[in-house]
PDB file of N, CA and C in Angstrom:
ATOM      1  N   MET A   1      -7.901 -36.110  -9.005  1.00  0.00           N
ATOM      2  CA  MET A   1      -6.533 -36.221  -9.393  1.00  0.00           C
ATOM      3  C   MET A   1      -5.277 -36.073  -8.684  1.00  0.00           C
ATOM      4  N   LYS A   2      -4.507 -37.029  -8.707  1.00  0.00           N
ATOM      5  CA  LYS A   2      -3.426 -37.416  -7.857  1.00  0.00           C
ATOM      6  C   LYS A   2      -2.331 -36.311  -8.294  1.00  0.00           C
ATOM      7  N   ILE A   3      -1.608 -35.421  -7.170  1.00  0.00           N
ATOM      8  CA  ILE A   3      -0.619 -34.788  -7.490  1.00  0.00           C
ATOM      9  C   ILE A   3       0.889 -35.677  -7.545  1.00  0.00           C
ATOM     10  N   GLU A   4       1.658 -35.895  -8.580  1.00  0.00           N
ATOM     11  CA  GLU A   4       2.669 -36.520  -8.420  1.00  0.00           C
ATOM     12  C   GLU A   4       3.953 -35.660  -8.911  1.00  0.00           C
ATOM     13  N   LYS A   5       3.511 -34.363  -9.454  1.00  0.00           N
ATOM     14  CA  LYS A   5       4.624 -33.385  -9.686  1.00  0.00           C
ATOM     15  C   LYS A   5       4.050 -32.050  -9.791  1.00  0.00           C
ATOM     16  N   PHE A   6       5.014 -30.988  -9.518  1.00  0.00           N
ATOM     17  CA  PHE A   6       4.505 -29.908  -9.333  1.00  0.00           C
ATOM     18  C   PHE A   6       3.766 -29.365 -10.825  1.00  0.00           C
ATOM     19  N   GLU A   7       3.770 -30.028 -11.844  1.00  0.00           N
ATOM     20  CA  GLU A   7       3.182 -29.416 -12.847  1.00  0.00           C
ATOM     21  C   GLU A   7       1.959 -30.096 -12.739  1.00  0.00           C
ATOM     22  N   ASP A   8       1.238 -30.913 -11.880  1.00  0.00           N
ATOM     23  CA  ASP A   8       0.070 -31.243 -11.727  1.00  0.00           C
ATOM     24  C   ASP A   8      -0.815 -30.360 -10.989  1.00  0.00           C
ATOM     25  N   LEU A   9      -0.073 -29.386 -10.326  1.00  0.00           N
ATOM     26  CA  LEU A   9      -0.697 -28.475  -9.204  1.00  0.00           C
ATOM     27  C   LEU A   9      -1.745 -27.363 -10.134  1.00  0.00           C
ATOM     28  N   GLU A  10      -3.035 -27.295  -9.920  1.00  0.00           N
ATOM     29  CA  GLU A  10      -3.664 -26.175 -10.365  1.00  0.00           C
ATOM     30  C   GLU A  10      -3.248 -24.849 -10.134  1.00  0.00           C
ATOM     31  N   VAL A  11      -2.694 -24.621  -9.044  1.00  0.00           N
ATOM     32  CA  VAL A  11      -2.133 -23.096  -8.649  1.00  0.00           C
ATOM     33  C   VAL A  11      -0.794 -22.892  -9.527  1.00  0.00           C
ATOM     34  N   TRP A  12       0.093 -24.186  -9.977  1.00  0.00           N
ATOM     35  CA  TRP A  12       1.173 -23.870 -10.739  1.00  0.00           C
ATOM     36  C   TRP A  12       0.699 -23.614 -12.222  1.00  0.00           C
ATOM     37  N   LYS A  13      -0.353 -24.106 -12.419  1.00  0.00           N
ATOM     38  CA  LYS A  13      -0.771 -23.974 -13.930  1.00  0.00           C
ATOM     39  C   LYS A  13      -1.377 -22.589 -13.962  1.00  0.00           C
ATOM     40  N   GLU A  14      -2.031 -22.221 -13.139  1.00  0.00           N
ATOM     41  CA  GLU A  14      -2.924 -20.955 -13.202  1.00  0.00           C
ATOM     42  C   GLU A  14      -1.900 -19.738 -13.202  1.00  0.00           C
ATOM     43  N   SER A  15      -0.665 -19.867 -12.321  1.00  0.00           N
ATOM     44  CA  SER A  15       0.313 -18.860 -12.358  1.00  0.00           C
ATOM     45  C   SER A  15       1.226 -18.733 -13.459  1.00  0.00           C
ATOM     46  N   MET A  16       1.463 -20.025 -14.163  1.00  0.00           N
ATOM     47  CA  MET A  16       2.171 -20.029 -15.400  1.00  0.00           C
ATOM     48  C   MET A  16       1.356 -19.190 -16.566  1.00  0.00           C
ATOM     49  N   ASN A  17       0.082 -19.683 -16.711  1.00  0.00           N
ATOM     50  CA  ASN A  17      -0.828 -19.044 -17.559  1.00  0.00           C
ATOM     51  C   ASN A  17      -0.736 -17.610 -17.369  1.00  0.00           C
ATOM     52  N   LEU A  18      -0.850 -17.164 -16.332  1.00  0.00           N
ATOM     53  CA  LEU A  18      -0.888 -15.595 -16.040  1.00  0.00           C
ATOM     54  C   LEU A  18       0.654 -14.985 -16.381  1.00  0.00           C
ATOM     55  N   SER A  19       1.619 -15.623 -16.000  1.00  0.00           N
ATOM     56  CA  SER A  19       2.902 -15.314 -16.497  1.00  0.00           C
ATOM     57  C   SER A  19       3.011 -15.060 -17.944  1.00  0.00           C
ATOM     58  N   VAL A  20       2.573 -16.017 -18.512  1.00  0.00           N
ATOM     59  CA  VAL A  20       2.717 -16.004 -20.210  1.00  0.00           C
ATOM     60  C   VAL A  20       1.854 -14.701 -20.764  1.00  0.00           C
ATOM     61  N   LEU A  21       0.717 -14.779 -20.135  1.00  0.00           N
ATOM     62  CA  LEU A  21      -0.255 -13.590 -20.588  1.00  0.00           C
ATOM     63  C   LEU A  21       0.456 -12.320 -20.365  1.00  0.00           C
ATOM     64  N   ILE A  22       1.069 -12.222 -19.180  1.00  0.00           N
ATOM     65  CA  ILE A  22       1.834 -11.033 -18.954  1.00  0.00           C
ATOM     66  C   ILE A  22       2.879 -10.776 -19.685  1.00  0.00           C
ATOM     67  N   TYR A  23       3.606 -11.874 -20.211  1.00  0.00           N
ATOM     68  CA  TYR A  23       4.736 -11.424 -20.944  1.00  0.00           C
ATOM     69  C   TYR A  23       4.341 -11.060 -22.498  1.00  0.00           C
ATOM     70  N   ARG A  24       3.401 -11.783 -22.925  1.00  0.00           N
ATOM     71  CA  ARG A  24       2.893 -11.478 -24.079  1.00  0.00           C
ATOM     72  C   ARG A  24       2.343  -9.996 -24.429  1.00  0.00           C
ATOM     73  N   THR A  25       1.732  -9.390 -23.170  1.00  0.00           N
ATOM     74  CA  THR A  25       1.006  -8.261 -23.250  1.00  0.00           C
ATOM     75  C   THR A  25       2.196  -7.069 -22.966  1.00  0.00           C
ATOM     76  N   LEU A  26       3.062  -7.383 -22.489  1.00  0.00           N
ATOM     77  CA  LEU A  26       4.352  -6.400 -22.358  1.00  0.00           C
ATOM     78  C   LEU A  26       5.403  -6.612 -23.259  1.00  0.00           C
ATOM     79  N   GLN A  27       5.197  -7.351 -24.260  1.00  0.00           N
ATOM     80  CA  GLN A  27       6.491  -7.650 -25.099  1.00  0.00           C
ATOM     81  C   GLN A  27       6.917  -6.330 -26.154  1.00  0.00           C
ATOM     82  N   ASP A  28       5.914  -5.421 -26.158  1.00  0.00           N
ATOM     83  CA  ASP A  28       6.364  -4.106 -26.866  1.00  0.00           C
ATOM     84  C   ASP A  28       6.393  -2.889 -25.869  1.00  0.00           C
ATOM     85  N   CYS A  29       6.268  -3.307 -24.699  1.00  0.00           N
ATOM     86  CA  CYS A  29       6.448  -2.199 -23.642  1.00  0.00           C
ATOM     87  C   CYS A  29       7.853  -1.671 -23.715  1.00  0.00           C
ATOM     88  N   LYS A  30       8.003  -0.154 -23.902  1.00  0.00           N
ATOM     89  CA  LYS A  30       9.274   0.439 -23.798  1.00  0.00           C
ATOM     90  C   LYS A  30       9.787   0.934 -22.389  1.00  0.00           C
ATOM     91  N   ASP A  31       9.045   0.659 -21.333  1.00  0.00           N
ATOM     92  CA  ASP A  31       9.290   1.248 -19.970  1.00  0.00           C
ATOM     93  C   ASP A  31      10.009  -0.316 -19.384  1.00  0.00           C
ATOM     94  N   PHE A  32      11.249  -0.406 -19.770  1.00  0.00           N
ATOM     95  CA  PHE A  32      11.966  -1.627 -19.491  1.00  0.00           C
ATOM     96  C   PHE A  32      12.249  -2.023 -18.010  1.00  0.00           C
ATOM     97  N   SER A  33      12.093  -0.851 -17.263  1.00  0.00           N
ATOM     98  CA  SER A  33      12.516  -1.179 -15.924  1.00  0.00           C
ATOM     99  C   SER A  33      11.292  -1.810 -15.197  1.00  0.00           C
ATOM    100  N   LEU A  34       9.972  -1.152 -15.535  1.00  0.00           N
ATOM    101  CA  LEU A  34       8.711  -1.816 -14.878  1.00  0.00           C
ATOM    102  C   LEU A  34       8.368  -2.980 -15.501  1.00  0.00           C
ATOM    103  N   ARG A  35       8.663  -2.850 -16.918  1.00  0.00           N
ATOM    104  CA  ARG A  35       7.923  -4.330 -17.567  1.00  0.00           C
ATOM    105  C   ARG A  35       9.104  -5.536 -17.029  1.00  0.00           C
ATOM    106  N   ASP A  36      10.270  -5.145 -16.573  1.00  0.00           N
ATOM    107  CA  ASP A  36      10.962  -6.290 -16.206  1.00  0.00           C
ATOM    108  C   ASP A  36      10.750  -6.807 -14.946  1.00  0.00           C
ATOM    109  N   GLN A  37      10.388  -5.725 -14.030  1.00  0.00           N
ATOM    110  CA  GLN A  37       9.934  -5.955 -12.540  1.00  0.00           C
ATOM    111  C   GLN A  37       8.722  -6.793 -12.747  1.00  0.00           C
ATOM    112  N   ILE A  38       7.626  -6.420 -13.422  1.00  0.00           N
ATOM    113  CA  ILE A  38       6.480  -6.942 -13.421  1.00  0.00           C
ATOM    114  C   ILE A  38       6.841  -8.557 -14.079  1.00  0.00           C
ATOM    115  N   GLN A  39       7.505  -8.706 -14.926  1.00  0.00           N
ATOM    116  CA  GLN A  39       7.749  -9.940 -15.558  1.00  0.00           C
ATOM    117  C   GLN A  39       8.651 -10.909 -14.582  1.00  0.00           C
ATOM    118  N   ARG A  40       9.281 -10.269 -13.819  1.00  0.00           N
ATOM    119  CA  ARG A  40      10.162 -11.220 -12.869  1.00  0.00           C
ATOM    120  C   ARG A  40       9.069 -11.427 -11.625  1.00  0.00           C
ATOM    121  N   SER A  41       8.351 -10.642 -11.240  1.00  0.00           N
ATOM    122  CA  SER A  41       7.340 -11.081 -10.342  1.00  0.00           C
ATOM    123  C   SER A  41       6.345 -12.008 -10.800  1.00  0.00           C
ATOM    124  N   SER A  42       6.048 -12.088 -12.122  1.00  0.00           N
ATOM    125  CA  SER A  42       4.975 -13.149 -12.625  1.00  0.00           C
ATOM    126  C   SER A  42       5.570 -14.314 -12.542  1.00  0.00           C
ATOM    127  N   VAL A  43       7.042 -14.309 -13.011  1.00  0.00           N
ATOM    128  CA  VAL A  43       7.799 -15.789 -13.079  1.00  0.00           C
ATOM    129  C   VAL A  43       8.067 -16.330 -11.894  1.00  0.00           C
ATOM    130  N   SER A  44       8.272 -15.253 -10.583  1.00  0.00           N
ATOM    131  CA  SER A  44       8.582 -15.904  -9.330  1.00  0.00           C
ATOM    132  C   SER A  44       7.507 -16.602  -8.520  1.00  0.00           C
ATOM    133  N   ILE A  45       6.176 -16.464  -9.276  1.00  0.00           N
ATOM    134  CA  ILE A  45       4.926 -17.163  -8.336  1.00  0.00           C
ATOM    135  C   ILE A  45       5.039 -18.825  -8.938  1.00  0.00           C
ATOM    136  N   PRO A  46       5.131 -19.075 -10.190  1.00  0.00           N
ATOM    137  CA  PRO A  46       5.163 -20.568 -10.459  1.00  0.00           C
ATOM    138  C   PRO A  46       6.519 -21.010 -10.089  1.00  0.00           C
ATOM    139  N   SER A  47       7.488 -20.412 -10.266  1.00  0.00           N
ATOM    140  CA  SER A  47       8.949 -20.655  -9.767  1.00  0.00           C
ATOM    141  C   SER A  47       9.156 -21.086  -8.362  1.00  0.00           C
ATOM    142  N   ASN A  48       8.538 -20.361  -7.542  1.00  0.00           N
ATOM    143  CA  ASN A  48       8.523 -20.558  -5.974  1.00  0.00           C
ATOM    144  C   ASN A  48       7.807 -21.774  -5.819  1.00  0.00           C
ATOM    145  N   ILE A  49       6.570 -21.804  -6.440  1.00  0.00           N
ATOM    146  CA  ILE A  49       5.667 -23.008  -6.227  1.00  0.00           C
ATOM    147  C   ILE A  49       6.648 -24.466  -6.593  1.00  0.00           C
ATOM    148  N   ALA A  50       7.053 -24.484  -7.645  1.00  0.00           N
ATOM    149  CA  ALA A  50       7.956 -25.321  -8.127  1.00  0.00           C
ATOM    150  C   ALA A  50       8.878 -25.936  -7.159  1.00  0.00           C
ATOM    151  N   GLU A  51       9.819 -24.832  -6.858  1.00  0.00           N
ATOM    152  CA  GLU A  51      10.962 -24.861  -6.008  1.00  0.00           C
ATOM    153  C   GLU A  51      10.469 -25.680  -4.570  1.00  0.00           C
ATOM    154  N   GLY A  52       9.576 -25.058  -4.143  1.00  0.00           N
ATOM    155  CA  GLY A  52       9.060 -25.523  -2.839  1.00  0.00           C
ATOM    156  C   GLY A  52       8.620 -26.965  -2.773  1.00  0.00           C
ATOM    157  N   TYR A  53       7.865 -27.358  -3.841  1.00  0.00           N
ATOM    158  CA  TYR A  53       7.438 -28.535  -4.301  1.00  0.00           C
ATOM    159  C   TYR A  53       8.580 -29.607  -4.154  1.00  0.00           C
ATOM    160  N   GLU A  54       9.609 -29.402  -4.703  1.00  0.00           N
ATOM    161  CA  GLU A  54      10.841 -30.067  -4.886  1.00  0.00           C
ATOM    162  C   GLU A  54      11.581 -30.191  -3.656  1.00  0.00           C
ATOM    163  N   ARG A  55      11.394 -29.490  -2.595  1.00  0.00           N
ATOM    164  CA  ARG A  55      12.215 -29.425  -1.602  1.00  0.00           C
ATOM    165  C   ARG A  55      11.934 -30.878  -0.595  1.00  0.00           C
ATOM    166  N   LYS A  56      12.787 -31.071   0.219  1.00  0.00           N
ATOM    167  CA  LYS A  56      12.547 -32.384   0.985  1.00  0.00           C
ATOM    168  C   LYS A  56      11.423 -32.201   2.205  1.00  0.00           C
ATOM    169  N   SER A  57      11.215 -30.921   2.511  1.00  0.00           N
ATOM    170  CA  SER A  57      10.332 -31.074   3.774  1.00  0.00           C
ATOM    171  C   SER A  57       9.182 -30.069   3.470  1.00  0.00           C
ATOM    172  N   ASN A  58       8.002 -30.388   4.322  1.00  0.00           N
ATOM    173  CA  ASN A  58       7.005 -29.835   4.247  1.00  0.00           C
ATOM    174  C   ASN A  58       7.146 -28.323   4.885  1.00  0.00           C
ATOM    175  N   LYS A  59       7.789 -28.223   5.748  1.00  0.00           N
ATOM    176  CA  LYS A  59       8.162 -26.775   6.127  1.00  0.00           C
ATOM    177  C   LYS A  59       8.702 -25.804   5.290  1.00  0.00           C
ATOM    178  N   GLU A  60       9.730 -26.181   4.476  1.00  0.00           N
ATOM    179  CA  GLU A  60      10.200 -25.652   3.300  1.00  0.00           C
ATOM    180  C   GLU A  60       9.373 -25.434   2.332  1.00  0.00           C
ATOM    181  N   TYR A  61       8.239 -26.483   1.908  1.00  0.00           N
ATOM    182  CA  TYR A  61       7.427 -26.342   0.917  1.00  0.00           C
ATOM    183  C   TYR A  61       6.492 -25.193   1.242  1.00  0.00           C
ATOM    184  N   ILE A  62       6.069 -25.016   2.506  1.00  0.00           N
ATOM    185  CA  ILE A  62       5.203 -24.014   2.937  1.00  0.00           C
ATOM    186  C   ILE A  62       5.987 -22.588   2.746  1.00  0.00           C
ATOM    187  N   ARG A  63       7.002 -22.639   3.271  1.00  0.00           N
ATOM    188  CA  ARG A  63       8.028 -21.499   3.108  1.00  0.00           C
ATOM    189  C   ARG A  63       8.007 -20.771   1.694  1.00  0.00           C
ATOM    190  N   PHE A  64       8.149 -21.706   0.835  1.00  0.00           N
ATOM    191  CA  PHE A  64       8.204 -21.219  -0.557  1.00  0.00           C
ATOM    192  C   PHE A  64       6.533 -20.881  -1.109  1.00  0.00           C
ATOM    193  N   LEU A  65       5.504 -21.555  -0.719  1.00  0.00           N
ATOM    194  CA  LEU A  65       4.232 -21.270  -1.146  1.00  0.00           C
ATOM    195  C   LEU A  65       4.095 -19.451  -0.435  1.00  0.00           C
ATOM    196  N   ASN A  66       4.634 -19.393   0.557  1.00  0.00           N
ATOM    197  CA  ASN A  66       4.580 -18.144   1.168  1.00  0.00           C
ATOM    198  C   ASN A  66       5.320 -17.279   0.474  1.00  0.00           C
ATOM    199  N   ILE A  67       6.370 -17.491  -0.063  1.00  0.00           N
ATOM    200  CA  ILE A  67       7.392 -16.647  -0.782  1.00  0.00           C
ATOM    201  C   ILE A  67       6.429 -16.387  -2.252  1.00  0.00           C
ATOM    202  N   ALA A  68       5.784 -17.345  -2.743  1.00  0.00           N
ATOM    203  CA  ALA A  68       5.033 -17.198  -4.149  1.00  0.00           C
ATOM    204  C   ALA A  68       3.935 -16.448  -3.684  1.00  0.00           C
ATOM    205  N   GLN A  69       3.362 -16.343  -2.443  1.00  0.00           N
ATOM    206  CA  GLN A  69       2.062 -15.526  -2.331  1.00  0.00           C
ATOM    207  C   GLN A  69       2.412 -14.092  -2.023  1.00  0.00           C
ATOM    208  N   GLY A  70       3.593 -13.809  -1.565  1.00  0.00           N
ATOM    209  CA  GLY A  70       4.366 -12.530  -1.569  1.00  0.00           C
ATOM    210  C   GLY A  70       4.699 -12.016  -3.180  1.00  0.00           C
ATOM    211  N   SER A  71       5.006 -12.748  -3.776  1.00  0.00           N
ATOM    212  CA  SER A  71       5.146 -12.302  -5.052  1.00  0.00           C
ATOM    213  C   SER A  71       3.936 -12.048  -5.760  1.00  0.00           C
ATOM    214  N   CYS A  72       3.013 -12.663  -5.502  1.00  0.00           N
ATOM    215  CA  CYS A  72       1.771 -12.407  -6.090  1.00  0.00           C
ATOM    216  C   CYS A  72       1.207 -11.150  -5.656  1.00  0.00           C
ATOM    217  N   ALA A  73       1.528 -10.837  -4.536  1.00  0.00           N
ATOM    218  CA  ALA A  73       1.082  -9.407  -4.149  1.00  0.00           C
ATOM    219  C   ALA A  73       1.789  -8.397  -4.698  1.00  0.00           C
ATOM    220  N   GLU A  74       3.100  -8.594  -4.732  1.00  0.00           N
ATOM    221  CA  GLU A  74       4.077  -7.653  -5.323  1.00  0.00           C
ATOM    222  C   GLU A  74       3.566  -7.445  -6.730  1.00  0.00           C
ATOM    223  N   LEU A  75       3.245  -8.575  -7.611  1.00  0.00           N
ATOM    224  CA  LEU A  75       2.524  -8.397  -8.970  1.00  0.00           C
ATOM    225  C   LEU A  75       1.712  -7.586  -8.969  1.00  0.00           C
ATOM    226  N   ARG A  76       0.723  -7.821  -8.001  1.00  0.00           N
ATOM    227  CA  ARG A  76      -0.586  -7.086  -8.152  1.00  0.00           C
ATOM    228  C   ARG A  76      -0.471  -5.536  -7.934  1.00  0.00           C
ATOM    229  N   THR A  77       0.498  -4.935  -6.934  1.00  0.00           N
ATOM    230  CA  THR A  77       0.952  -3.654  -6.794  1.00  0.00           C
ATOM    231  C   THR A  77       1.434  -3.236  -7.983  1.00  0.00           C
ATOM    232  N   GLN A  78       2.397  -3.915  -8.790  1.00  0.00           N
ATOM    233  CA  GLN A  78       2.835  -3.371  -9.937  1.00  0.00           C
ATOM    234  C   GLN A  78       1.993  -3.282 -11.172  1.00  0.00           C
ATOM    235  N   LEU A  79       0.690  -4.270 -11.192  1.00  0.00           N
ATOM    236  CA  LEU A  79      -0.154  -4.127 -12.027  1.00  0.00           C
ATOM    237  C   LEU A  79      -1.004  -2.792 -11.883  1.00  0.00           C
ATOM    238  N   TYR A  80      -1.258  -2.455 -10.583  1.00  0.00           N
ATOM    239  CA  TYR A  80      -1.890  -1.199 -10.223  1.00  0.00           C
ATOM    240  C   TYR A  80      -1.259   0.008 -10.806  1.00  0.00           C
ATOM    241  N   LEU A  81       0.121  -0.163 -10.625  1.00  0.00           N
ATOM    242  CA  LEU A  81       0.911   1.066 -10.996  1.00  0.00           C
ATOM    243  C   LEU A  81       1.003   1.027 -12.739  1.00  0.00           C
ATOM    244  N   ALA A  82       1.135  -0.043 -13.107  1.00  0.00           N
ATOM    245  CA  ALA A  82       1.197   0.104 -14.693  1.00  0.00           C
ATOM    246  C   ALA A  82      -0.213   0.574 -15.302  1.00  0.00           C
ATOM    247  N   LYS A  83      -1.249   0.164 -14.688  1.00  0.00           N
ATOM    248  CA  LYS A  83      -2.427   0.687 -15.196  1.00  0.00           C
ATOM    249  C   LYS A  83      -2.721   2.133 -14.894  1.00  0.00           C
ATOM    250  N   GLU A  84      -2.185   2.486 -13.793  1.00  0.00           N
ATOM    251  CA  GLU A  84      -2.180   4.149 -13.540  1.00  0.00           C
ATOM    252  C   GLU A  84      -1.246   4.814 -14.357  1.00  0.00           C
ATOM    253  N   VAL A  85      -0.367   4.302 -14.980  1.00  0.00           N
ATOM    254  CA  VAL A  85       0.727   5.194 -15.808  1.00  0.00           C
ATOM    255  C   VAL A  85       0.309   4.964 -17.210  1.00  0.00           C
ATOM    256  N   GLY A  86      -0.476   3.922 -17.421  1.00  0.00           N
ATOM    257  CA  GLY A  86      -1.013   3.490 -18.769  1.00  0.00           C
ATOM    258  C   GLY A  86      -0.347   2.623 -19.405  1.00  0.00           C
ATOM    259  N   ILE A  87       0.553   1.988 -18.738  1.00  0.00           N
ATOM    260  CA  ILE A  87       1.471   0.834 -19.445  1.00  0.00           C
ATOM    261  C   ILE A  87       0.457  -0.435 -19.948  1.00  0.00           C
ATOM    262  N   ILE A  88      -0.432  -0.597 -19.306  1.00  0.00           N
ATOM    263  CA  ILE A  88      -1.458  -1.650 -19.504  1.00  0.00           C
ATOM    264  C   ILE A  88      -2.757  -1.038 -19.509  1.00  0.00           C
ATOM    265  N   TYR A  89      -3.544  -1.457 -20.498  1.00  0.00           N
ATOM    266  CA  TYR A  89      -5.043  -0.819 -20.556  1.00  0.00           C
ATOM    267  C   TYR A  89      -5.829  -1.263 -19.291  1.00  0.00           C
ATOM    268  N   GLU A  90      -6.560  -0.327 -18.818  1.00  0.00           N
ATOM    269  CA  GLU A  90      -7.352  -0.707 -17.502  1.00  0.00           C
ATOM    270  C   GLU A  90      -7.967  -2.155 -17.670  1.00  0.00           C
ATOM    271  N   ALA A  91      -8.754  -2.356 -18.431  1.00  0.00           N
ATOM    272  CA  ALA A  91      -9.493  -3.656 -18.607  1.00  0.00           C
ATOM    273  C   ALA A  91      -8.569  -4.837 -18.574  1.00  0.00           C
ATOM    274  N   LYS A  92      -7.476  -4.857 -19.278  1.00  0.00           N
ATOM    275  CA  LYS A  92      -6.469  -5.955 -19.181  1.00  0.00           C
ATOM    276  C   LYS A  92      -5.772  -6.018 -17.852  1.00  0.00           C
ATOM    277  N   ALA A  93      -5.513  -4.753 -17.124  1.00  0.00           N
ATOM    278  CA  ALA A  93      -4.914  -4.672 -15.986  1.00  0.00           C
ATOM    279  C   ALA A  93      -5.751  -5.316 -14.778  1.00  0.00           C
ATOM    280  N   ASP A  94      -6.990  -4.932 -15.096  1.00  0.00           N
ATOM    281  CA  ASP A  94      -8.005  -5.583 -14.071  1.00  0.00           C
ATOM    282  C   ASP A  94      -8.208  -6.946 -14.056  1.00  0.00           C
ATOM    283  N   GLU A  95      -8.056  -7.452 -15.346  1.00  0.00           N
ATOM    284  CA  GLU A  95      -8.172  -8.830 -15.635  1.00  0.00           C
ATOM    285  C   GLU A  95      -7.142  -9.531 -14.888  1.00  0.00           C
ATOM    286  N   PHE A  96      -5.698  -9.122 -15.016  1.00  0.00           N
ATOM    287  CA  PHE A  96      -4.688  -9.583 -14.334  1.00  0.00           C
ATOM    288  C   PHE A  96      -4.625  -9.489 -12.940  1.00  0.00           C
ATOM    289  N   VAL A  97      -5.248  -8.399 -12.207  1.00  0.00           N
ATOM    290  CA  VAL A  97      -5.389  -8.101 -10.973  1.00  0.00           C
ATOM    291  C   VAL A  97      -6.208  -9.288 -10.337  1.00  0.00           C
ATOM    292  N   ASP A  98      -7.260  -9.465 -11.228  1.00  0.00           N
ATOM    293  CA  ASP A  98      -8.223 -10.442 -10.638  1.00  0.00           C
ATOM    294  C   ASP A  98      -7.692 -11.755 -10.571  1.00  0.00           C
ATOM    295  N   ARG A  99      -6.980 -12.049 -11.556  1.00  0.00           N
ATOM    296  CA  ARG A  99      -6.193 -13.408 -11.743  1.00  0.00           C
ATOM    297  C   ARG A  99      -5.220 -13.672 -10.711  1.00  0.00           C
ATOM    298  N   THR A 100      -4.532 -12.528 -10.126  1.00  0.00           N
ATOM    299  CA  THR A 100      -3.538 -12.533  -9.120  1.00  0.00           C
ATOM    300  C   THR A 100      -4.179 -12.870  -7.799  1.00  0.00           C
ATOM    301  N   ARG A 101      -5.631 -12.299  -7.709  1.00  0.00           N
ATOM    302  CA  ARG A 101      -6.301 -12.648  -6.456  1.00  0.00           C
ATOM    303  C   ARG A 101      -6.697 -13.991  -6.365  1.00  0.00           C
ATOM    304  N   LYS A 102      -7.005 -14.729  -7.783  1.00  0.00           N
ATOM    305  CA  LYS A 102      -7.342 -16.077  -7.599  1.00  0.00           C
ATOM    306  C   LYS A 102      -6.051 -16.920  -7.269  1.00  0.00           C
ATOM    307  N   VAL A 103      -4.951 -16.441  -7.807  1.00  0.00           N
ATOM    308  CA  VAL A 103      -3.738 -17.214  -7.615  1.00  0.00           C
ATOM    309  C   VAL A 103      -3.587 -17.316  -5.846  1.00  0.00           C
ATOM    310  N   SER A 104      -3.545 -16.073  -5.735  1.00  0.00           N
ATOM    311  CA  SER A 104      -3.323 -15.860  -4.221  1.00  0.00           C
ATOM    312  C   SER A 104      -4.260 -16.756  -3.202  1.00  0.00           C
ATOM    313  N   ALA A 105      -5.376 -16.690  -3.601  1.00  0.00           N
ATOM    314  CA  ALA A 105      -6.523 -17.377  -2.828  1.00  0.00           C
ATOM    315  C   ALA A 105      -6.173 -18.867  -2.885  1.00  0.00           C
ATOM    316  N   MET A 106      -5.608 -19.586  -4.055  1.00  0.00           N
ATOM    317  CA  MET A 106      -5.437 -20.814  -4.262  1.00  0.00           C
ATOM    318  C   MET A 106      -4.124 -21.092  -3.281  1.00  0.00           C
ATOM    319  N   LEU A 107      -3.030 -20.339  -3.328  1.00  0.00           N
ATOM    320  CA  LEU A 107      -1.929 -20.381  -2.531  1.00  0.00           C
ATOM    321  C   LEU A 107      -2.182 -20.580  -1.131  1.00  0.00           C
ATOM    322  N   TYR A 108      -3.143 -19.738  -0.637  1.00  0.00           N
ATOM    323  CA  TYR A 108      -3.827 -19.656   0.734  1.00  0.00           C
ATOM    324  C   TYR A 108      -4.137 -21.138   1.089  1.00  0.00           C
ATOM    325  N   ARG A 109      -5.158 -21.407   0.280  1.00  0.00           N
ATOM    326  CA  ARG A 109      -5.683 -22.725   0.509  1.00  0.00           C
ATOM    327  C   ARG A 109      -4.613 -24.119   0.485  1.00  0.00           C
ATOM    328  N   LEU A 110      -3.760 -23.816  -0.359  1.00  0.00           N
ATOM    329  CA  LEU A 110      -2.679 -25.174  -0.598  1.00  0.00           C
ATOM    330  C   LEU A 110      -1.915 -24.949   0.751  1.00  0.00           C
ATOM    331  N   THR A 111      -1.508 -23.793   1.115  1.00  0.00           N
ATOM    332  CA  THR A 111      -0.693 -23.737   2.327  1.00  0.00           C
ATOM    333  C   THR A 111      -1.551 -24.211   3.591  1.00  0.00           C
ATOM    334  N   GLN A 112      -2.751 -23.751   3.784  1.00  0.00           N
ATOM    335  CA  GLN A 112      -3.507 -24.380   4.814  1.00  0.00           C
ATOM    336  C   GLN A 112      -3.692 -25.746   4.925  1.00  0.00           C
ATOM    337  N   SER A 113      -3.776 -26.464   3.543  1.00  0.00           N
ATOM    338  CA  SER A 113      -3.862 -27.724   3.641  1.00  0.00           C
ATOM    339  C   SER A 113      -2.470 -28.554   4.079  1.00  0.00           C
ATOM    340  N   ARG A 114      -1.393 -27.982   3.528  1.00  0.00           N
ATOM    341  CA  ARG A 114      -0.080 -28.338   3.889  1.00  0.00           C
ATOM    342  C   ARG A 114       0.145 -28.232   5.303  1.00  0.00           C
ATOM    343  N   GLN A 115      -0.155 -27.349   6.137  1.00  0.00           N
ATOM    344  CA  GLN A 115      -0.117 -27.025   7.315  1.00  0.00           C
ATOM    345  C   GLN A 115      -0.520 -28.159   8.142  1.00  0.00           C
ATOM    346  N   GLN A 116      -1.572 -28.936   7.634  1.00  0.00           N
ATOM    347  CA  GLN A 116      -2.143 -29.878   8.409  1.00  0.00           C
ATOM    348  C   GLN A 116      -1.485 -31.274   8.508  1.00  0.00           C
ATOM    349  N   PHE A 117      -0.377 -31.309   7.686  1.00  0.00           N
ATOM    350  CA  PHE A 117       0.784 -32.451   7.670  1.00  0.00           C
ATOM    351  C   PHE A 117       1.413 -32.503   8.989  1.00  0.00           C
TER     352      PHE A 117
END
């Protein structure tokens, strides 16, 4: 499949899906501070992928992919915390952590391929 817009990127789709699931899971969470931080981190991933894609240089695109990968690690850390303090059930938190690992690996591969340009 030819990539013509950021919406075509599988990593963008995967990270968007993760963000939506996190929002739905935390909609009734009363720990507003941690909930907001987790939500912001999850949104940061697809947002930085999109912003980087729209930039005019490959170097900037790679920089935003790296930012997205950092946000992915930040999200994973927050998910571990949310699991430990009981904000997210263990099975759901583990599922989300696995998905962040998948997104991170996808970002790594995309970054590596972009560095070939």
